[in-house]
C-alpha atoms as a PDB file:
ATOM      1  CA  MET A   1       0.000   0.000   0.000  1.00  0.00           C
ATOM      2  CA  ASN A   2       1.334   3.388  -0.999  1.00  0.00           C
ATOM      3  CA  ILE A   3       1.004   5.989   1.770  1.00  0.00           C
ATOM      4  CA  ASN A   4       0.780   9.574   0.631  1.00  0.00           C
ATOM      5  CA  THR A   5      -0.211  12.846   2.248  1.00  0.00           C
ATOM      6  CA  THR A   6      -3.863  12.474   1.201  1.00  0.00           C
ATOM      7  CA  LYS A   7      -4.112   9.182   3.090  1.00  0.00           C
ATOM      8  CA  ILE A   8      -2.446  10.686   6.162  1.00  0.00           C
ATOM      9  CA  ILE A   9      -4.782  13.697   6.129  1.00  0.00           C
ATOM     10  CA  SER A  10      -7.766  11.365   5.663  1.00  0.00           C
ATOM     11  CA  LEU A  11      -6.612   9.299   8.638  1.00  0.00           C
ATOM     12  CA  LEU A  12      -6.284  12.440  10.764  1.00  0.00           C
ATOM     13  CA  PHE A  13      -9.766  13.538   9.678  1.00  0.00           C
ATOM     14  CA  PHE A  14     -11.087  10.057  10.535  1.00  0.00           C
ATOM     15  CA  ILE A  15      -9.639  10.363  14.053  1.00  0.00           C
ATOM     16  CA  PHE A  16     -11.036  13.901  14.373  1.00  0.00           C
ATOM     17  CA  SER A  17     -14.479  12.691  13.231  1.00  0.00           C
ATOM     18  CA  ALA A  18     -14.414   9.839  15.742  1.00  0.00           C
ATOM     19  CA  PHE A  19     -13.587  12.289  18.536  1.00  0.00           C
ATOM     20  CA  TYR A  20     -16.288  14.686  17.295  1.00  0.00           C
ATOM     21  CA  LEU A  21     -18.825  11.845  17.255  1.00  0.00           C
ATOM     22  CA  TYR A  22     -17.867  10.892  20.819  1.00  0.00           C
ATOM     23  CA  ILE A  23     -18.340  14.506  21.946  1.00  0.00           C
ATOM     24  CA  ALA A  24     -21.657  14.735  20.032  1.00  0.00           C
ATOM     25  CA  TYR A  25     -23.068  11.859  22.053  1.00  0.00           C
ATOM     26  CA  GLN A  26     -22.168  13.791  25.225  1.00  0.00           C
ATOM     27  CA  ILE A  27     -24.431  16.730  24.318  1.00  0.00           C
ATOM     28  CA  GLN A  28     -27.187  16.995  26.879  1.00  0.00           C
ATOM     29  CA  VAL A  29     -30.762  17.402  25.708  1.00  0.00           C
ATOM     30  CA  PHE A  30     -33.882  18.180  27.669  1.00  0.00           C
ATOM     31  CA  SER A  31     -35.867  15.200  28.886  1.00  0.00           C
ATOM     32  CA  PHE A  32     -38.885  16.180  26.774  1.00  0.00           C
ATOM     33  CA  ASP A  33     -36.578  16.428  23.749  1.00  0.00           C
ATOM     34  CA  GLU A  34     -34.930  13.034  24.198  1.00  0.00           C
ATOM     35  CA  ASN A  35     -37.191  11.088  21.808  1.00  0.00           C
ATOM     36  CA  ALA A  36     -37.826  13.937  19.363  1.00  0.00           C
ATOM     37  CA  PRO A  37     -36.859  13.227  15.761  1.00  0.00           C
ATOM     38  CA  PHE A  38     -34.540  16.253  15.768  1.00  0.00           C
ATOM     39  CA  ASN A  39     -32.816  17.638  18.857  1.00  0.00           C
ATOM     40  CA  ALA A  40     -29.557  19.357  19.825  1.00  0.00           C
ATOM     41  CA  ARG A  41     -27.395  16.289  19.210  1.00  0.00           C
ATOM     42  CA  THR A  42     -28.981  14.994  15.985  1.00  0.00           C
ATOM     43  CA  PHE A  43     -27.030  17.075  13.457  1.00  0.00           C
ATOM     44  CA  PRO A  44     -23.640  16.730  15.218  1.00  0.00           C
ATOM     45  CA  ILE A  45     -24.085  12.945  15.344  1.00  0.00           C
ATOM     46  CA  TYR A  46     -24.928  12.749  11.634  1.00  0.00           C
ATOM     47  CA  LEU A  47     -22.009  15.043  10.859  1.00  0.00           C
ATOM     48  CA  GLY A  48     -19.647  12.798  12.827  1.00  0.00           C
ATOM     49  CA  TYR A  49     -20.847   9.668  11.014  1.00  0.00           C
ATOM     50  CA  ALA A  50     -20.537  11.436   7.643  1.00  0.00           C
ATOM     51  CA  GLY A  51     -16.964  12.437   8.484  1.00  0.00           C
ATOM     52  CA  LEU A  52     -16.122   8.865   9.457  1.00  0.00           C
ATOM     53  CA  PHE A  53     -17.727   7.491   6.296  1.00  0.00           C
ATOM     54  CA  PHE A  54     -16.117   9.835   3.781  1.00  0.00           C
ATOM     55  CA  SER A  55     -12.674   9.861   5.370  1.00  0.00           C
ATOM     56  CA  GLY A  56     -12.843   6.058   5.645  1.00  0.00           C
ATOM     57  CA  LEU A  57     -13.676   5.849   1.946  1.00  0.00           C
ATOM     58  CA  LYS A  58     -10.753   8.117   1.115  1.00  0.00           C
ATOM     59  CA  ILE A  59      -8.431   5.882   3.162  1.00  0.00           C
ATOM     60  CA  ILE A  60      -9.673   2.596   1.690  1.00  0.00           C
ATOM     61  CA  LEU A  61     -10.200   3.468  -1.981  1.00  0.00           C
ATOM     62  CA  PRO A  62      -7.135   3.678  -4.220  1.00  0.00           C
ATOM     63  CA  GLU A  63      -5.900   6.993  -5.546  1.00  0.00           C
ATOM     64  CA  PRO A  64      -6.611   7.341  -9.286  1.00  0.00           C
ATOM     65  CA  ASN A  65      -3.543   9.509  -9.853  1.00  0.00           C
ATOM     66  CA  THR A  66      -1.268  11.421  -7.559  1.00  0.00           C
ATOM     67  CA  ILE A  67      -1.171  15.167  -8.015  1.00  0.00           C
ATOM     68  CA  LYS A  68       2.192  16.806  -7.609  1.00  0.00           C
ATOM     69  CA  VAL A  69       1.869  20.066  -5.679  1.00  0.00           C
ATOM     70  CA  ASN A  70       4.425  22.817  -5.989  1.00  0.00           C
ATOM     71  CA  HIS A  71       4.609  24.265  -2.481  1.00  0.00           C
ATOM     72  CA  LYS A  72       6.102  27.493  -3.797  1.00  0.00           C
ATOM     73  CA  ASN A  73       2.726  28.336  -5.377  1.00  0.00           C
ATOM     74  CA  LEU A  74       0.729  27.830  -2.181  1.00  0.00           C
ATOM     75  CA  GLU A  75      -0.178  30.945  -0.235  1.00  0.00           C
ATOM     76  CA  TYR A  76       0.715  30.081   3.337  1.00  0.00           C
ATOM     77  CA  LYS A  77       0.662  33.715   4.411  1.00  0.00           C
ATOM     78  CA  LYS A  78      -2.998  34.170   3.394  1.00  0.00           C
ATOM     79  CA  THR A  79      -3.898  30.920   5.148  1.00  0.00           C
ATOM     80  CA  ALA A  80      -2.185  32.035   8.356  1.00  0.00           C
ATOM     81  CA  ILE A  81      -3.926  35.414   8.181  1.00  0.00           C
ATOM     82  CA  LEU A  82      -7.326  33.716   7.734  1.00  0.00           C
ATOM     83  CA  VAL A  83      -6.650  31.450  10.713  1.00  0.00           C
ATOM     84  CA  LEU A  84      -5.697  34.491  12.800  1.00  0.00           C
ATOM     85  CA  ILE A  85      -8.865  36.330  11.694  1.00  0.00           C
ATOM     86  CA  ALA A  86     -10.971  33.272  12.624  1.00  0.00           C
ATOM     87  CA  ILE A  87      -9.352  33.079  16.077  1.00  0.00           C
ATOM     88  CA  ILE A  88     -10.014  36.775  16.689  1.00  0.00           C
ATOM     89  CA  TYR A  89     -13.605  36.239  15.530  1.00  0.00           C
ATOM     90  CA  GLY A  90     -14.083  33.360  17.959  1.00  0.00           C
ATOM     91  CA  VAL A  91     -12.650  35.348  20.865  1.00  0.00           C
ATOM     92  CA  THR A  92     -14.668  38.523  20.245  1.00  0.00           C
ATOM     93  CA  ILE A  93     -18.095  37.273  19.139  1.00  0.00           C
ATOM     94  CA  LEU A  94     -19.536  36.982  22.659  1.00  0.00           C
ATOM     95  CA  LYS A  95     -18.277  40.378  23.798  1.00  0.00           C
ATOM     96  CA  VAL A  96     -19.043  42.434  20.701  1.00  0.00           C
ATOM     97  CA  GLY A  97     -21.977  40.518  19.246  1.00  0.00           C
ATOM     98  CA  TYR A  98     -22.899  38.530  16.170  1.00  0.00           C
ATOM     99  CA  PHE A  99     -23.690  41.333  13.717  1.00  0.00           C
ATOM    100  CA  LEU A 100     -20.585  43.493  14.012  1.00  0.00           C
ATOM    101  CA  THR A 101     -18.139  40.648  14.607  1.00  0.00           C
ATOM    102  CA  THR A 102     -19.365  38.524  11.702  1.00  0.00           C
ATOM    103  CA  SER A 103     -19.511  41.513   9.355  1.00  0.00           C
ATOM    104  CA  LEU A 104     -15.963  42.531  10.239  1.00  0.00           C
ATOM    105  CA  PHE A 105     -14.833  38.897   9.952  1.00  0.00           C
ATOM    106  CA  LEU A 106     -16.232  38.652   6.425  1.00  0.00           C
ATOM    107  CA  ALA A 107     -14.879  42.056   5.388  1.00  0.00           C
ATOM    108  CA  SER A 108     -11.383  41.335   6.709  1.00  0.00           C
ATOM    109  CA  SER A 109     -11.424  37.864   5.138  1.00  0.00           C
ATOM    110  CA  TYR A 110     -12.354  39.300   1.751  1.00  0.00           C
ATOM    111  CA  TYR A 111      -9.577  41.867   2.077  1.00  0.00           C
ATOM    112  CA  ALA A 112      -7.032  39.233   3.153  1.00  0.00           C
ATOM    113  CA  LEU A 113      -7.947  37.104   0.147  1.00  0.00           C
ATOM    114  CA  GLY A 114      -7.227  39.978  -2.206  1.00  0.00           C
ATOM    115  CA  GLU A 115     -10.497  41.797  -2.802  1.00  0.00           C
ATOM    116  CA  ARG A 116      -9.928  45.546  -2.886  1.00  0.00           C
ATOM    117  CA  ARG A 117     -13.297  46.902  -4.068  1.00  0.00           C
ATOM    118  CA  TRP A 118     -14.694  48.391  -0.863  1.00  0.00           C
ATOM    119  CA  LYS A 119     -18.263  48.626  -2.172  1.00  0.00           C
ATOM    120  CA  LEU A 120     -18.292  44.910  -2.896  1.00  0.00           C
ATOM    121  CA  ILE A 121     -16.678  44.092   0.447  1.00  0.00           C
ATOM    122  CA  PHE A 122     -19.314  46.162   2.247  1.00  0.00           C
ATOM    123  CA  LEU A 123     -22.245  44.744   0.264  1.00  0.00           C
ATOM    124  CA  LEU A 124     -21.144  41.152   0.822  1.00  0.00           C
ATOM    125  CA  SER A 125     -20.596  41.570   4.534  1.00  0.00           C
ATOM    126  CA  PHE A 126     -22.819  44.016   6.434  1.00  0.00           C
ATOM    127  CA  PRO A 127     -26.135  43.698   4.509  1.00  0.00           C
ATOM    128  CA  PHE A 128     -25.678  39.945   4.122  1.00  0.00           C
ATOM    129  CA  VAL A 129     -25.125  39.453   7.855  1.00  0.00           C
ATOM    130  CA  GLY A 130     -28.033  41.803   8.588  1.00  0.00           C
ATOM    131  CA  ALA A 131     -30.352  39.787   6.347  1.00  0.00           C
ATOM    132  CA  PHE A 132     -29.168  36.527   7.874  1.00  0.00           C
ATOM    133  CA  MET A 133     -29.637  37.906  11.373  1.00  0.00           C
ATOM    134  CA  TYR A 134     -33.152  39.039  10.448  1.00  0.00           C
ATOM    135  CA  LEU A 135     -33.927  35.510   9.255  1.00  0.00           C
ATOM    136  CA  LEU A 136     -32.606  34.033  12.489  1.00  0.00           C
ATOM    137  CA  HIS A 137     -34.113  36.564  14.851  1.00  0.00           C
ATOM    138  CA  GLY A 138     -37.228  37.746  13.027  1.00  0.00           C
ATOM    139  CA  VAL A 139     -38.400  34.722  11.066  1.00  0.00           C
ATOM    140  CA  LEU A 140     -37.052  31.692  12.930  1.00  0.00           C
ATOM    141  CA  GLU A 141     -37.267  33.415  16.339  1.00  0.00           C
ATOM    142  CA  ILE A 142     -33.758  32.324  17.351  1.00  0.00           C
ATOM    143  CA  TYR A 143     -32.447  34.922  19.759  1.00  0.00           C
ATOM    144  CA  LEU A 144     -28.835  35.963  19.351  1.00  0.00           C
ATOM    145  CA  ARG A 145     -27.421  38.040  22.175  1.00  0.00           C
ATOM    146  CA  ASP A 146     -25.857  41.058  20.527  1.00  0.00           C
ATOM    147  CA  PRO A 147     -24.375  43.758  22.806  1.00  0.00           C
ATOM    148  CA  PHE A 148     -23.547  46.068  19.859  1.00  0.00           C
ATOM    149  CA  LEU A 149     -27.088  46.118  18.462  1.00  0.00           C
ATOM    150  CA  LYS A 150     -28.449  46.513  21.984  1.00  0.00           C
ATOM    151  CA  LEU A 151     -26.104  49.457  22.544  1.00  0.00           C
ATOM    152  CA  ILE A 152     -27.289  51.300  19.435  1.00  0.00           C
ATOM    153  CA  GLY A 153     -30.945  50.443  20.198  1.00  0.00           C
ATOM    154  CA  VAL A 154     -31.772  48.079  17.340  1.00  0.00           C
ATOM    155  CA  MET A 155     -32.418  45.055  19.570  1.00  0.00           C
ATOM    156  CA  GLY A 156     -33.856  44.979  23.061  1.00  0.00           C
END
């Protein structure tokens, strides 16, 4: 058997999916929600099984042809910047709120990936997040705690 980086990454993803599935079964649900067809742990469990299935297939099935990657053409700097932006997003979302943090996350991600048209960056971040938040809060009645919108008086 020929071991290449794709197989190693698939094995790591298989292990990650197994751990994720274990954690998904630890999610507590309300007693009245235990036998419901869809509860808080349903989607994470299905996601864990899907990860196990697809990464297992990638490990077992043979590679049709190996792709040679020139590492000089990969943009490690942009990847590192995106990871840093995602970490900052995760740290600040509870303090600042969903709307502003997610909008700034999208805008800074677009900029880091090379987009320089500010109108497009604005239109694909702030209004999009506002519309999505309206769907969550207004239509689906899922409350998102948002200190920024509370501060400016949009949400109560």
